[in-house]
């Protein structure tokens, strides 16, 4: 009889902590404030030549966000979203442009949270800039190459015309041929290659939990030890 009582007490002692550990702990929401910068890098190439409006994309956080000494958003978290604007460059005028809207952040432990953020800057791509309050990326202007090509064609036509004693005719032919050839081709496509740094700014608070912060911080320490 005594053995049975001791066994029951032992089982209860073991089961109580396990039951407590499995019980969800209600915690107050913890918010990363609006205005916080999220520094990320692309892990895929996005281009006006191949992508289309509505395509999804993901980018990886490269710098941790800490609040009150705790890691709120660790390196390795990812942002996912959609291309909500995409325009190819025109044949005569216009540049390629796109808007990369992020909609969710996923922490390394797999938990996701909705977020609202605007792209502020992009680094790593020549002649690409972010404009407007909605973070539209604009590609390189192709007018300078256009003028260079047309000018080179005109000079070439003039030289050929000199050989046949008709420089004016040669220049006109060279100008026309080069202009027609350039107009049938689009301007330079906007391409965001792998490894491009994109910096987003939160436009609304990002709601997390205290429990999520502790889990995230411990995961980062564990990964660093590996």
N, C-alpha and C. Protein backbone atom coordinates (compact mmCIF):
# COMPACT_ATOMS: atom_id res chain seq x y z
N UNK A 1 0.82 -1.20 0.00
CA UNK A 1 0.00 0.00 0.00
C UNK A 1 0.86 1.26 0.00
N UNK A 2 1.91 1.23 0.85
CA UNK A 2 2.82 2.37 0.94
C UNK A 2 3.54 2.60 -0.38
N UNK A 3 3.92 1.47 -1.02
CA UNK A 3 4.61 1.59 -2.31
C UNK A 3 3.72 2.23 -3.35
N UNK A 4 2.43 1.88 -3.32
CA UNK A 4 1.50 2.46 -4.30
C UNK A 4 1.35 3.97 -4.09
N UNK A 5 1.29 4.37 -2.82
CA UNK A 5 1.16 5.80 -2.52
C UNK A 5 2.39 6.56 -2.98
N UNK A 6 3.57 5.99 -2.70
CA UNK A 6 4.83 6.64 -3.11
C UNK A 6 4.92 6.75 -4.62
N UNK A 7 4.49 5.69 -5.32
CA UNK A 7 4.53 5.69 -6.78
C UNK A 7 3.60 6.76 -7.33
N UNK A 8 2.41 6.89 -6.74
CA UNK A 8 1.45 7.91 -7.19
C UNK A 8 2.00 9.30 -6.98
N UNK A 9 2.65 9.51 -5.82
CA UNK A 9 3.24 10.83 -5.54
C UNK A 9 4.34 11.14 -6.53
N UNK A 10 5.18 10.13 -6.83
CA UNK A 10 6.27 10.31 -7.77
C UNK A 10 5.75 10.68 -9.15
N UNK A 11 4.73 9.97 -9.62
CA UNK A 11 4.15 10.24 -10.94
C UNK A 11 3.54 11.64 -10.98
N UNK A 12 2.89 12.05 -9.92
CA UNK A 12 2.30 13.37 -9.87
C UNK A 12 3.37 14.44 -9.90
N UNK A 13 4.48 14.18 -9.22
CA UNK A 13 5.59 15.14 -9.19
C UNK A 13 6.19 15.34 -10.57
N UNK A 14 6.29 14.26 -11.34
CA UNK A 14 6.85 14.34 -12.69
C UNK A 14 5.86 14.95 -13.66
N UNK A 15 4.58 14.61 -13.53
CA UNK A 15 3.57 15.05 -14.50
C UNK A 15 3.23 16.52 -14.35
N UNK A 16 3.31 17.05 -13.13
CA UNK A 16 2.91 18.44 -12.89
C UNK A 16 3.76 19.44 -13.67
N UNK A 17 5.10 19.34 -13.62
CA UNK A 17 5.90 20.28 -14.42
C UNK A 17 5.67 20.14 -15.91
N UNK A 18 5.46 18.89 -16.38
CA UNK A 18 5.24 18.69 -17.81
C UNK A 18 3.94 19.34 -18.24
N UNK A 19 2.90 19.18 -17.44
CA UNK A 19 1.61 19.79 -17.77
C UNK A 19 1.72 21.29 -17.77
N UNK A 20 2.49 21.84 -16.83
CA UNK A 20 2.66 23.30 -16.75
C UNK A 20 3.44 23.81 -17.97
N UNK A 21 4.45 23.02 -18.38
CA UNK A 21 5.27 23.45 -19.53
C UNK A 21 4.47 23.46 -20.80
N UNK A 22 3.48 22.52 -20.92
CA UNK A 22 2.70 22.44 -22.14
C UNK A 22 1.55 23.43 -22.17
N UNK A 23 1.23 24.03 -21.02
CA UNK A 23 0.13 24.98 -20.96
C UNK A 23 0.55 26.31 -21.55
N UNK A 24 -0.15 26.85 -22.55
CA UNK A 24 0.23 28.13 -23.13
C UNK A 24 0.17 29.23 -22.08
N UNK A 25 1.19 30.07 -22.08
CA UNK A 25 1.25 31.18 -21.14
C UNK A 25 0.76 32.43 -21.85
N UNK A 26 -0.27 33.03 -21.29
CA UNK A 26 -0.80 34.25 -21.87
C UNK A 26 0.14 35.41 -21.56
N UNK A 27 0.58 36.15 -22.57
CA UNK A 27 1.49 37.26 -22.38
C UNK A 27 0.95 38.48 -23.09
N UNK A 28 1.34 39.63 -22.58
CA UNK A 28 0.94 40.88 -23.21
C UNK A 28 1.69 41.05 -24.51
N UNK A 29 1.09 41.68 -25.50
CA UNK A 29 1.79 41.89 -26.77
C UNK A 29 2.97 42.84 -26.61
N UNK A 30 4.01 42.56 -27.32
CA UNK A 30 5.20 43.42 -27.34
C UNK A 30 5.31 43.99 -28.74
N UNK A 31 5.50 45.28 -28.85
CA UNK A 31 5.47 45.93 -30.17
C UNK A 31 6.81 46.56 -30.53
N UNK A 32 7.29 46.22 -31.72
CA UNK A 32 8.43 46.93 -32.30
C UNK A 32 7.86 48.23 -32.89
N UNK A 33 8.34 49.38 -32.47
CA UNK A 33 7.67 50.63 -32.84
C UNK A 33 7.77 50.96 -34.32
N UNK A 34 6.78 51.71 -34.78
CA UNK A 34 6.83 52.24 -36.15
C UNK A 34 8.05 53.12 -36.30
N UNK A 35 8.64 53.10 -37.48
CA UNK A 35 9.86 53.87 -37.72
C UNK A 35 11.12 53.03 -37.62
N UNK A 36 11.02 51.83 -37.07
CA UNK A 36 12.18 50.93 -36.96
C UNK A 36 12.62 50.49 -38.34
N UNK A 37 13.93 50.48 -38.56
CA UNK A 37 14.48 50.07 -39.86
C UNK A 37 14.79 48.57 -39.84
N UNK A 38 14.44 47.90 -40.92
CA UNK A 38 14.76 46.49 -41.13
C UNK A 38 15.72 46.39 -42.30
N UNK A 39 16.95 45.96 -42.01
CA UNK A 39 17.97 45.85 -43.05
C UNK A 39 17.96 44.43 -43.60
N UNK A 40 17.75 44.30 -44.90
CA UNK A 40 17.56 42.98 -45.52
C UNK A 40 18.38 42.86 -46.80
N UNK A 41 18.51 41.63 -47.27
CA UNK A 41 19.13 41.35 -48.57
C UNK A 41 18.25 40.37 -49.34
N UNK A 42 18.24 40.55 -50.66
CA UNK A 42 17.45 39.67 -51.51
C UNK A 42 18.13 38.31 -51.64
N UNK A 43 17.33 37.27 -51.74
CA UNK A 43 17.87 35.92 -51.96
C UNK A 43 17.43 35.36 -53.31
N UNK A 44 16.96 36.25 -54.18
CA UNK A 44 16.57 35.87 -55.53
C UNK A 44 16.69 37.10 -56.42
N UNK A 45 16.80 36.88 -57.72
CA UNK A 45 16.86 37.99 -58.67
C UNK A 45 15.44 38.36 -59.10
N UNK A 46 15.16 39.65 -59.09
CA UNK A 46 13.85 40.17 -59.51
C UNK A 46 14.09 41.15 -60.65
N UNK A 47 13.40 40.96 -61.77
CA UNK A 47 13.65 41.78 -62.94
C UNK A 47 12.37 42.08 -63.70
N UNK A 48 12.32 43.26 -64.31
CA UNK A 48 11.16 43.62 -65.11
C UNK A 48 11.07 42.78 -66.38
N UNK A 49 12.15 42.12 -66.74
CA UNK A 49 12.14 41.30 -67.96
C UNK A 49 11.40 39.98 -67.75
N UNK A 50 11.55 39.38 -66.57
CA UNK A 50 11.02 38.04 -66.35
C UNK A 50 9.87 38.00 -65.34
N UNK A 51 9.88 38.87 -64.37
CA UNK A 51 8.82 38.85 -63.36
C UNK A 51 7.58 39.58 -63.84
N UNK A 52 6.51 39.40 -63.08
CA UNK A 52 5.25 40.09 -63.41
C UNK A 52 4.57 40.54 -62.13
N UNK A 53 3.62 41.41 -62.28
CA UNK A 53 2.88 41.91 -61.12
C UNK A 53 2.16 40.75 -60.43
N UNK A 54 2.26 40.72 -59.11
CA UNK A 54 1.64 39.65 -58.34
C UNK A 54 2.60 38.56 -57.92
N UNK A 55 3.80 38.51 -58.51
CA UNK A 55 4.79 37.52 -58.11
C UNK A 55 5.19 37.74 -56.65
N UNK A 56 5.50 36.64 -55.96
CA UNK A 56 5.93 36.72 -54.57
C UNK A 56 7.45 36.76 -54.48
N UNK A 57 7.95 37.22 -53.35
CA UNK A 57 9.40 37.27 -53.13
C UNK A 57 9.66 37.17 -51.63
N UNK A 58 10.90 36.83 -51.27
CA UNK A 58 11.33 36.83 -49.87
C UNK A 58 12.70 37.49 -49.77
N UNK A 59 12.94 38.15 -48.65
CA UNK A 59 14.24 38.75 -48.38
C UNK A 59 14.62 38.40 -46.94
N UNK A 60 15.92 38.38 -46.65
CA UNK A 60 16.40 37.95 -45.33
C UNK A 60 16.92 39.13 -44.53
N UNK A 61 16.59 39.15 -43.24
CA UNK A 61 17.08 40.17 -42.33
C UNK A 61 18.58 39.94 -42.08
N UNK A 62 19.39 40.99 -42.20
CA UNK A 62 20.84 40.85 -42.07
C UNK A 62 21.39 41.53 -40.82
N UNK A 63 20.56 42.35 -40.14
CA UNK A 63 21.00 43.00 -38.90
C UNK A 63 19.91 42.82 -37.85
N UNK A 64 20.28 42.39 -36.64
CA UNK A 64 19.25 42.18 -35.60
C UNK A 64 18.66 43.49 -35.13
N UNK A 65 17.40 43.42 -34.72
CA UNK A 65 16.73 44.56 -34.10
C UNK A 65 16.60 44.24 -32.62
N UNK A 66 17.19 45.08 -31.77
CA UNK A 66 17.15 44.87 -30.33
C UNK A 66 16.34 45.97 -29.66
N UNK A 67 15.58 45.58 -28.64
CA UNK A 67 14.78 46.53 -27.86
C UNK A 67 14.95 46.21 -26.39
N UNK A 68 15.36 47.20 -25.62
CA UNK A 68 15.56 47.03 -24.18
C UNK A 68 16.48 45.86 -23.87
N UNK A 69 17.51 45.70 -24.68
CA UNK A 69 18.48 44.65 -24.44
C UNK A 69 18.07 43.28 -24.93
N UNK A 70 16.91 43.15 -25.54
CA UNK A 70 16.44 41.87 -26.04
C UNK A 70 16.42 41.88 -27.56
N UNK A 71 16.69 40.71 -28.14
CA UNK A 71 16.66 40.58 -29.59
C UNK A 71 15.21 40.38 -30.01
N UNK A 72 14.63 41.39 -30.64
CA UNK A 72 13.24 41.28 -31.09
C UNK A 72 13.17 40.59 -32.44
N UNK A 73 14.04 41.00 -33.35
CA UNK A 73 14.07 40.41 -34.69
C UNK A 73 15.51 39.99 -34.97
N UNK A 74 15.79 38.69 -35.01
CA UNK A 74 17.17 38.24 -35.19
C UNK A 74 17.56 38.14 -36.66
N UNK A 75 18.87 38.06 -36.87
CA UNK A 75 19.37 37.74 -38.20
C UNK A 75 18.85 36.36 -38.58
N UNK A 76 18.40 36.20 -39.80
CA UNK A 76 17.82 34.94 -40.23
C UNK A 76 16.31 34.98 -40.36
N UNK A 77 15.69 36.01 -39.77
CA UNK A 77 14.27 36.21 -40.02
C UNK A 77 14.08 36.60 -41.48
N UNK A 78 12.90 36.38 -42.00
CA UNK A 78 12.66 36.69 -43.41
C UNK A 78 11.39 37.50 -43.57
N UNK A 79 11.40 38.36 -44.58
CA UNK A 79 10.22 39.13 -44.96
C UNK A 79 9.71 38.59 -46.28
N UNK A 80 8.42 38.46 -46.40
CA UNK A 80 7.83 37.99 -47.65
C UNK A 80 6.77 38.97 -48.12
N UNK A 81 6.58 39.02 -49.43
CA UNK A 81 5.59 39.95 -49.98
C UNK A 81 5.34 39.69 -51.45
N UNK A 82 4.77 40.72 -52.11
CA UNK A 82 4.40 40.60 -53.51
C UNK A 82 4.86 41.82 -54.30
N UNK A 83 5.02 41.63 -55.59
CA UNK A 83 5.30 42.74 -56.49
C UNK A 83 3.95 43.37 -56.84
N UNK A 84 3.71 44.58 -56.36
CA UNK A 84 2.41 45.22 -56.59
C UNK A 84 2.45 46.21 -57.75
N UNK A 85 3.63 46.51 -58.24
CA UNK A 85 3.77 47.39 -59.41
C UNK A 85 4.96 46.91 -60.20
N UNK A 86 4.78 46.77 -61.52
CA UNK A 86 5.90 46.39 -62.38
C UNK A 86 5.66 46.96 -63.78
N UNK A 87 6.58 47.78 -64.24
CA UNK A 87 6.50 48.37 -65.57
C UNK A 87 7.85 48.23 -66.27
N UNK A 88 7.81 47.72 -67.47
CA UNK A 88 9.02 47.60 -68.26
C UNK A 88 9.36 48.95 -68.88
N UNK A 89 10.64 49.18 -69.17
CA UNK A 89 11.00 50.45 -69.83
C UNK A 89 10.43 50.51 -71.23
N UNK A 90 10.10 51.73 -71.69
CA UNK A 90 9.54 51.89 -73.03
C UNK A 90 10.60 51.84 -74.11
N UNK A 91 10.15 51.85 -75.34
CA UNK A 91 11.07 51.83 -76.47
C UNK A 91 11.59 53.23 -76.81
N UNK A 92 10.78 54.24 -76.49
CA UNK A 92 11.19 55.61 -76.78
C UNK A 92 11.48 56.36 -75.49
N UNK A 93 10.65 56.19 -74.48
CA UNK A 93 10.81 56.91 -73.22
C UNK A 93 10.38 56.02 -72.07
N UNK A 94 10.73 56.44 -70.84
CA UNK A 94 10.32 55.71 -69.65
C UNK A 94 11.41 54.76 -69.16
N UNK A 95 11.34 54.46 -67.85
CA UNK A 95 12.30 53.55 -67.24
C UNK A 95 11.55 52.41 -66.58
N UNK A 96 12.24 51.31 -66.35
CA UNK A 96 11.63 50.20 -65.64
C UNK A 96 11.42 50.56 -64.18
N UNK A 97 10.31 50.11 -63.61
CA UNK A 97 10.04 50.39 -62.21
C UNK A 97 9.20 49.28 -61.59
N UNK A 98 9.34 49.14 -60.28
CA UNK A 98 8.57 48.13 -59.55
C UNK A 98 8.42 48.55 -58.09
N UNK A 99 7.41 47.97 -57.46
CA UNK A 99 7.20 48.18 -56.03
C UNK A 99 7.18 46.81 -55.37
N UNK A 100 8.04 46.63 -54.37
CA UNK A 100 8.14 45.37 -53.64
C UNK A 100 7.50 45.57 -52.27
N UNK A 101 6.26 45.12 -52.12
CA UNK A 101 5.51 45.32 -50.89
C UNK A 101 5.67 44.11 -49.97
N UNK A 102 6.19 44.33 -48.76
CA UNK A 102 6.31 43.24 -47.79
C UNK A 102 5.04 43.16 -46.96
N UNK A 103 4.67 41.93 -46.59
CA UNK A 103 3.40 41.71 -45.89
C UNK A 103 3.53 40.88 -44.63
N UNK A 104 4.62 40.14 -44.50
CA UNK A 104 4.77 39.26 -43.34
C UNK A 104 6.24 39.09 -42.99
N UNK A 105 6.49 38.94 -41.69
CA UNK A 105 7.83 38.58 -41.23
C UNK A 105 7.74 37.21 -40.57
N UNK A 106 8.70 36.35 -40.87
CA UNK A 106 8.74 35.01 -40.30
C UNK A 106 10.03 34.86 -39.51
N UNK A 107 9.90 34.53 -38.22
CA UNK A 107 11.06 34.37 -37.36
C UNK A 107 11.70 33.00 -37.60
N UNK A 108 12.95 32.83 -37.18
CA UNK A 108 13.64 31.55 -37.43
C UNK A 108 12.92 30.33 -36.87
N UNK A 109 12.08 30.52 -35.82
CA UNK A 109 11.37 29.36 -35.26
C UNK A 109 10.10 29.04 -36.04
N UNK A 110 9.83 29.78 -37.13
CA UNK A 110 8.70 29.46 -38.00
C UNK A 110 7.45 30.27 -37.76
N UNK A 111 7.39 31.07 -36.70
CA UNK A 111 6.19 31.86 -36.43
C UNK A 111 6.19 33.12 -37.29
N UNK A 112 5.02 33.43 -37.85
CA UNK A 112 4.90 34.59 -38.72
C UNK A 112 4.01 35.67 -38.13
N UNK A 113 4.31 36.92 -38.47
CA UNK A 113 3.53 38.06 -38.01
C UNK A 113 3.29 39.00 -39.18
N UNK A 114 2.09 39.52 -39.34
CA UNK A 114 1.86 40.51 -40.40
C UNK A 114 2.59 41.81 -40.07
N UNK A 115 3.05 42.50 -41.09
CA UNK A 115 3.71 43.77 -40.87
C UNK A 115 3.43 44.73 -42.02
N UNK A 116 3.61 46.01 -41.75
CA UNK A 116 3.47 47.05 -42.76
C UNK A 116 4.76 47.86 -42.76
N UNK A 117 5.41 47.92 -43.91
CA UNK A 117 6.68 48.63 -44.01
C UNK A 117 6.85 49.16 -45.43
N UNK A 118 7.63 50.22 -45.53
CA UNK A 118 7.89 50.86 -46.83
C UNK A 118 9.37 50.79 -47.15
N UNK A 119 9.69 50.48 -48.39
CA UNK A 119 11.09 50.45 -48.82
C UNK A 119 11.63 51.88 -48.86
N UNK A 120 12.79 52.07 -48.22
CA UNK A 120 13.38 53.41 -48.14
C UNK A 120 14.60 53.55 -49.05
N UNK A 121 15.47 52.55 -49.05
CA UNK A 121 16.70 52.63 -49.86
C UNK A 121 17.05 51.26 -50.41
N UNK A 122 17.80 51.27 -51.50
CA UNK A 122 18.31 50.05 -52.13
C UNK A 122 19.77 50.28 -52.50
N UNK A 123 20.64 49.34 -52.10
CA UNK A 123 22.06 49.46 -52.38
C UNK A 123 22.56 48.21 -53.10
N UNK A 124 23.52 48.41 -53.97
CA UNK A 124 24.12 47.28 -54.67
C UNK A 124 23.77 47.20 -56.14
N UNK A 125 22.94 48.14 -56.62
CA UNK A 125 22.57 48.17 -58.04
C UNK A 125 22.86 49.57 -58.58
N UNK A 126 23.61 49.64 -59.64
CA UNK A 126 23.99 50.94 -60.20
C UNK A 126 22.81 51.63 -60.88
N UNK A 127 22.71 52.94 -60.65
CA UNK A 127 21.70 53.79 -61.29
C UNK A 127 20.26 53.38 -60.96
N UNK A 128 20.08 52.81 -59.78
CA UNK A 128 18.74 52.46 -59.31
C UNK A 128 18.43 53.28 -58.08
N UNK A 129 17.22 53.82 -57.99
CA UNK A 129 16.86 54.65 -56.84
C UNK A 129 15.44 54.34 -56.40
N UNK A 130 15.17 54.65 -55.11
CA UNK A 130 13.84 54.47 -54.53
C UNK A 130 13.20 55.85 -54.41
N UNK A 131 11.97 55.98 -54.94
CA UNK A 131 11.31 57.29 -54.95
C UNK A 131 9.89 57.17 -54.40
N UNK A 132 9.36 58.30 -53.92
CA UNK A 132 7.97 58.35 -53.49
C UNK A 132 7.72 57.75 -52.12
N UNK A 133 6.53 58.03 -51.61
CA UNK A 133 6.15 57.56 -50.28
C UNK A 133 5.82 56.07 -50.25
N UNK A 134 5.65 55.46 -51.42
CA UNK A 134 5.31 54.04 -51.48
C UNK A 134 6.52 53.17 -51.81
N UNK A 135 7.69 53.77 -51.89
CA UNK A 135 8.92 53.00 -52.10
C UNK A 135 9.03 52.34 -53.45
N UNK A 136 8.76 53.10 -54.51
CA UNK A 136 8.87 52.57 -55.87
C UNK A 136 10.34 52.59 -56.30
N UNK A 137 10.80 51.48 -56.84
CA UNK A 137 12.18 51.38 -57.35
C UNK A 137 12.18 51.73 -58.83
N UNK A 138 13.03 52.66 -59.21
CA UNK A 138 13.15 53.05 -60.61
C UNK A 138 14.52 52.65 -61.14
N UNK A 139 14.51 52.12 -62.38
CA UNK A 139 15.73 51.65 -62.99
C UNK A 139 16.50 52.73 -63.71
N UNK A 140 17.59 52.36 -64.37
CA UNK A 140 18.45 53.32 -65.05
C UNK A 140 17.76 53.96 -66.25
N UNK A 141 18.08 55.23 -66.47
CA UNK A 141 17.57 55.96 -67.63
C UNK A 141 18.40 55.59 -68.85
N UNK A 142 17.74 55.26 -69.94
CA UNK A 142 18.47 54.80 -71.14
C UNK A 142 18.66 55.90 -72.17
N UNK A 143 18.31 57.16 -71.83
CA UNK A 143 18.44 58.23 -72.82
C UNK A 143 19.89 58.45 -73.24
N UNK A 144 20.83 58.43 -72.28
CA UNK A 144 22.24 58.66 -72.62
C UNK A 144 22.77 57.61 -73.58
N UNK A 145 22.56 56.30 -73.32
CA UNK A 145 22.98 55.31 -74.32
C UNK A 145 22.30 55.52 -75.67
N UNK A 146 21.02 55.96 -75.66
CA UNK A 146 20.33 56.21 -76.92
C UNK A 146 21.08 57.25 -77.74
N UNK A 147 21.38 58.38 -77.12
CA UNK A 147 22.06 59.45 -77.83
C UNK A 147 23.45 59.02 -78.29
N UNK A 148 24.12 58.23 -77.47
CA UNK A 148 25.45 57.76 -77.85
C UNK A 148 25.38 56.84 -79.07
N UNK A 149 24.40 55.93 -79.08
CA UNK A 149 24.25 55.03 -80.21
C UNK A 149 23.89 55.79 -81.47
N UNK A 150 22.93 56.72 -81.34
CA UNK A 150 22.50 57.48 -82.52
C UNK A 150 23.64 58.35 -83.04
N UNK A 151 24.38 58.96 -82.11
CA UNK A 151 25.52 59.77 -82.53
C UNK A 151 26.58 58.95 -83.24
N UNK A 152 26.86 57.77 -82.69
CA UNK A 152 27.86 56.90 -83.33
C UNK A 152 27.39 56.46 -84.71
N UNK A 153 26.10 56.19 -84.85
CA UNK A 153 25.57 55.79 -86.16
C UNK A 153 25.66 56.91 -87.17
N UNK A 154 25.40 58.12 -86.72
CA UNK A 154 25.47 59.28 -87.62
C UNK A 154 26.90 59.51 -88.08
N UNK A 155 27.86 59.43 -87.15
CA UNK A 155 29.27 59.61 -87.52
C UNK A 155 29.71 58.53 -88.49
N UNK A 156 29.29 57.29 -88.22
CA UNK A 156 29.66 56.20 -89.12
C UNK A 156 29.09 56.41 -90.51
N UNK A 157 27.83 56.86 -90.58
CA UNK A 157 27.23 57.13 -91.89
C UNK A 157 27.94 58.26 -92.61
N UNK A 158 28.37 59.27 -91.87
CA UNK A 158 29.09 60.39 -92.49
C UNK A 158 30.41 59.92 -93.09
N UNK A 159 31.13 59.09 -92.36
CA UNK A 159 32.41 58.59 -92.87
C UNK A 159 32.22 57.76 -94.13
N UNK A 160 31.18 56.94 -94.12
CA UNK A 160 30.91 56.15 -95.34
C UNK A 160 30.54 57.08 -96.49
N UNK A 161 29.75 58.14 -96.16
CA UNK A 161 29.38 59.10 -97.20
C UNK A 161 30.57 59.82 -97.78
N UNK A 162 31.58 60.09 -96.96
CA UNK A 162 32.78 60.77 -97.45
C UNK A 162 33.50 59.93 -98.51
N UNK A 163 33.44 58.63 -98.30
CA UNK A 163 34.11 57.75 -99.27
C UNK A 163 33.48 57.91 -100.64
N UNK A 164 32.16 58.11 -100.65
CA UNK A 164 31.46 58.25 -101.93
C UNK A 164 31.11 59.71 -102.24
N UNK A 165 31.79 60.61 -101.55
CA UNK A 165 31.62 62.06 -101.79
C UNK A 165 30.21 62.55 -101.49
N UNK A 166 29.51 61.89 -100.59
CA UNK A 166 28.17 62.32 -100.18
C UNK A 166 28.04 62.23 -98.65
N UNK A 167 28.80 63.08 -97.92
CA UNK A 167 28.78 62.98 -96.46
C UNK A 167 27.41 63.29 -95.85
N UNK A 168 26.68 64.24 -96.44
CA UNK A 168 25.37 64.59 -95.88
C UNK A 168 24.40 63.42 -96.01
N UNK A 169 24.42 62.79 -97.18
CA UNK A 169 23.55 61.63 -97.40
C UNK A 169 23.94 60.49 -96.46
N UNK A 170 25.23 60.29 -96.31
CA UNK A 170 25.71 59.24 -95.41
C UNK A 170 25.30 59.48 -93.98
N UNK A 171 25.38 60.74 -93.53
CA UNK A 171 24.99 61.08 -92.17
C UNK A 171 23.50 60.83 -91.96
N UNK A 172 22.67 61.21 -92.97
CA UNK A 172 21.23 61.02 -92.87
C UNK A 172 20.87 59.54 -92.80
N UNK A 173 21.54 58.75 -93.63
CA UNK A 173 21.28 57.31 -93.64
C UNK A 173 21.69 56.69 -92.31
N UNK A 174 22.86 57.08 -91.81
CA UNK A 174 23.33 56.54 -90.53
C UNK A 174 22.42 56.92 -89.38
N UNK A 175 21.96 58.19 -89.38
CA UNK A 175 21.05 58.65 -88.33
C UNK A 175 19.73 57.89 -88.36
N UNK A 176 19.18 57.73 -89.55
CA UNK A 176 17.88 57.05 -89.70
C UNK A 176 17.98 55.58 -89.29
N UNK A 177 19.01 54.92 -89.78
CA UNK A 177 19.15 53.49 -89.48
C UNK A 177 19.35 53.23 -88.00
N UNK A 178 20.18 54.06 -87.37
CA UNK A 178 20.44 53.86 -85.94
C UNK A 178 19.21 54.17 -85.11
N UNK A 179 18.50 55.24 -85.48
CA UNK A 179 17.29 55.62 -84.73
C UNK A 179 16.23 54.53 -84.82
N UNK A 180 16.01 54.01 -86.03
CA UNK A 180 15.01 52.95 -86.21
C UNK A 180 15.39 51.71 -85.41
N UNK A 181 16.67 51.36 -85.44
CA UNK A 181 17.13 50.18 -84.71
C UNK A 181 16.96 50.36 -83.22
N UNK A 182 17.25 51.56 -82.72
CA UNK A 182 17.13 51.80 -81.27
C UNK A 182 15.67 51.82 -80.81
N UNK A 183 14.79 52.34 -81.64
CA UNK A 183 13.38 52.44 -81.27
C UNK A 183 12.69 51.09 -81.21
N UNK A 184 13.22 50.11 -81.90
CA UNK A 184 12.58 48.80 -81.87
C UNK A 184 12.97 48.01 -80.62
N UNK A 185 13.96 48.51 -79.89
CA UNK A 185 14.39 47.85 -78.66
C UNK A 185 13.97 48.66 -77.43
N UNK A 186 13.65 47.95 -76.35
CA UNK A 186 13.31 48.62 -75.10
C UNK A 186 14.55 49.19 -74.44
N UNK A 187 14.31 50.09 -73.47
CA UNK A 187 15.40 50.61 -72.67
C UNK A 187 15.94 49.53 -71.74
N UNK A 188 16.90 49.91 -70.91
CA UNK A 188 17.54 48.94 -70.03
C UNK A 188 16.57 48.46 -68.97
N UNK A 189 16.46 47.14 -68.82
CA UNK A 189 15.55 46.55 -67.85
C UNK A 189 16.03 46.84 -66.42
N UNK A 190 15.07 46.91 -65.51
CA UNK A 190 15.38 47.06 -64.09
C UNK A 190 15.58 45.67 -63.50
N UNK A 191 16.75 45.44 -62.94
CA UNK A 191 17.08 44.14 -62.36
C UNK A 191 17.61 44.32 -60.95
N UNK A 192 17.00 43.61 -60.00
CA UNK A 192 17.46 43.60 -58.61
C UNK A 192 18.10 42.23 -58.37
N UNK A 193 19.43 42.14 -58.40
CA UNK A 193 20.08 40.84 -58.29
C UNK A 193 20.12 40.30 -56.87
N UNK A 194 20.48 39.03 -56.76
CA UNK A 194 20.67 38.41 -55.44
C UNK A 194 21.73 39.19 -54.67
N UNK A 195 21.46 39.43 -53.40
CA UNK A 195 22.42 40.12 -52.56
C UNK A 195 22.21 41.62 -52.47
N UNK A 196 21.21 42.15 -53.18
CA UNK A 196 20.92 43.58 -53.10
C UNK A 196 20.38 43.93 -51.71
N UNK A 197 20.89 44.99 -51.11
CA UNK A 197 20.42 45.40 -49.80
C UNK A 197 19.19 46.29 -49.94
N UNK A 198 18.12 45.88 -49.28
CA UNK A 198 16.87 46.64 -49.25
C UNK A 198 16.55 46.99 -47.80
N UNK A 199 16.36 48.27 -47.54
CA UNK A 199 16.08 48.73 -46.18
C UNK A 199 14.64 49.20 -46.08
N UNK A 200 13.88 48.51 -45.23
CA UNK A 200 12.46 48.84 -45.04
C UNK A 200 12.27 49.52 -43.69
N UNK A 201 11.31 50.43 -43.65
CA UNK A 201 10.94 51.11 -42.41
C UNK A 201 9.51 50.74 -42.03
N UNK A 202 9.32 50.30 -40.79
CA UNK A 202 7.98 49.95 -40.33
C UNK A 202 7.08 51.19 -40.33
N UNK A 203 5.91 51.06 -40.92
CA UNK A 203 4.94 52.16 -40.92
C UNK A 203 3.89 51.98 -39.84
N UNK A 204 3.83 50.78 -39.25
CA UNK A 204 2.96 50.51 -38.11
C UNK A 204 3.73 49.65 -37.11
N UNK A 205 3.27 49.67 -35.87
CA UNK A 205 3.90 48.82 -34.87
C UNK A 205 3.81 47.35 -35.27
N UNK A 206 4.87 46.61 -35.00
CA UNK A 206 4.90 45.17 -35.27
C UNK A 206 4.66 44.43 -33.96
N UNK A 207 3.50 43.83 -33.82
CA UNK A 207 3.11 43.18 -32.55
C UNK A 207 3.73 41.80 -32.44
N UNK A 208 4.54 41.62 -31.37
CA UNK A 208 5.12 40.32 -31.02
C UNK A 208 4.65 40.00 -29.60
N UNK A 209 5.26 38.99 -28.97
CA UNK A 209 4.94 38.68 -27.58
C UNK A 209 6.22 38.54 -26.80
N UNK A 210 6.13 38.71 -25.47
CA UNK A 210 7.30 38.53 -24.62
C UNK A 210 7.84 37.11 -24.75
N UNK A 211 6.93 36.15 -24.81
CA UNK A 211 7.34 34.76 -24.94
C UNK A 211 8.09 34.56 -26.26
N UNK A 212 7.58 35.22 -27.32
CA UNK A 212 8.25 35.11 -28.61
C UNK A 212 9.64 35.71 -28.59
N UNK A 213 9.81 36.81 -27.84
CA UNK A 213 11.12 37.43 -27.74
C UNK A 213 12.11 36.51 -27.06
N UNK A 214 11.70 35.83 -25.98
CA UNK A 214 12.62 34.94 -25.27
C UNK A 214 13.01 33.76 -26.14
N UNK A 215 12.04 33.20 -26.86
CA UNK A 215 12.33 32.07 -27.74
C UNK A 215 13.28 32.47 -28.85
N UNK A 216 13.02 33.64 -29.45
CA UNK A 216 13.84 34.11 -30.54
C UNK A 216 15.27 34.33 -30.09
N UNK A 217 15.46 34.98 -28.93
CA UNK A 217 16.80 35.26 -28.42
C UNK A 217 17.54 33.98 -28.13
N UNK A 218 16.88 32.98 -27.51
CA UNK A 218 17.55 31.73 -27.20
C UNK A 218 17.92 30.98 -28.45
N UNK A 219 17.09 31.05 -29.49
CA UNK A 219 17.41 30.39 -30.75
C UNK A 219 18.67 30.99 -31.36
N UNK A 220 18.79 32.33 -31.30
CA UNK A 220 19.95 32.97 -31.90
C UNK A 220 21.22 32.57 -31.16
N UNK A 221 21.16 32.51 -29.83
CA UNK A 221 22.33 32.11 -29.04
C UNK A 221 22.72 30.68 -29.36
N UNK A 222 21.69 29.80 -29.49
CA UNK A 222 21.94 28.40 -29.82
C UNK A 222 22.60 28.28 -31.19
N UNK A 223 22.07 29.00 -32.18
CA UNK A 223 22.64 28.94 -33.52
C UNK A 223 24.07 29.46 -33.54
N UNK A 224 24.36 30.52 -32.75
CA UNK A 224 25.70 31.07 -32.71
C UNK A 224 26.68 30.05 -32.14
N UNK A 225 26.20 29.26 -31.14
CA UNK A 225 27.06 28.25 -30.54
C UNK A 225 27.38 27.12 -31.49
N UNK A 226 26.48 26.84 -32.43
CA UNK A 226 26.72 25.79 -33.41
C UNK A 226 27.80 26.22 -34.39
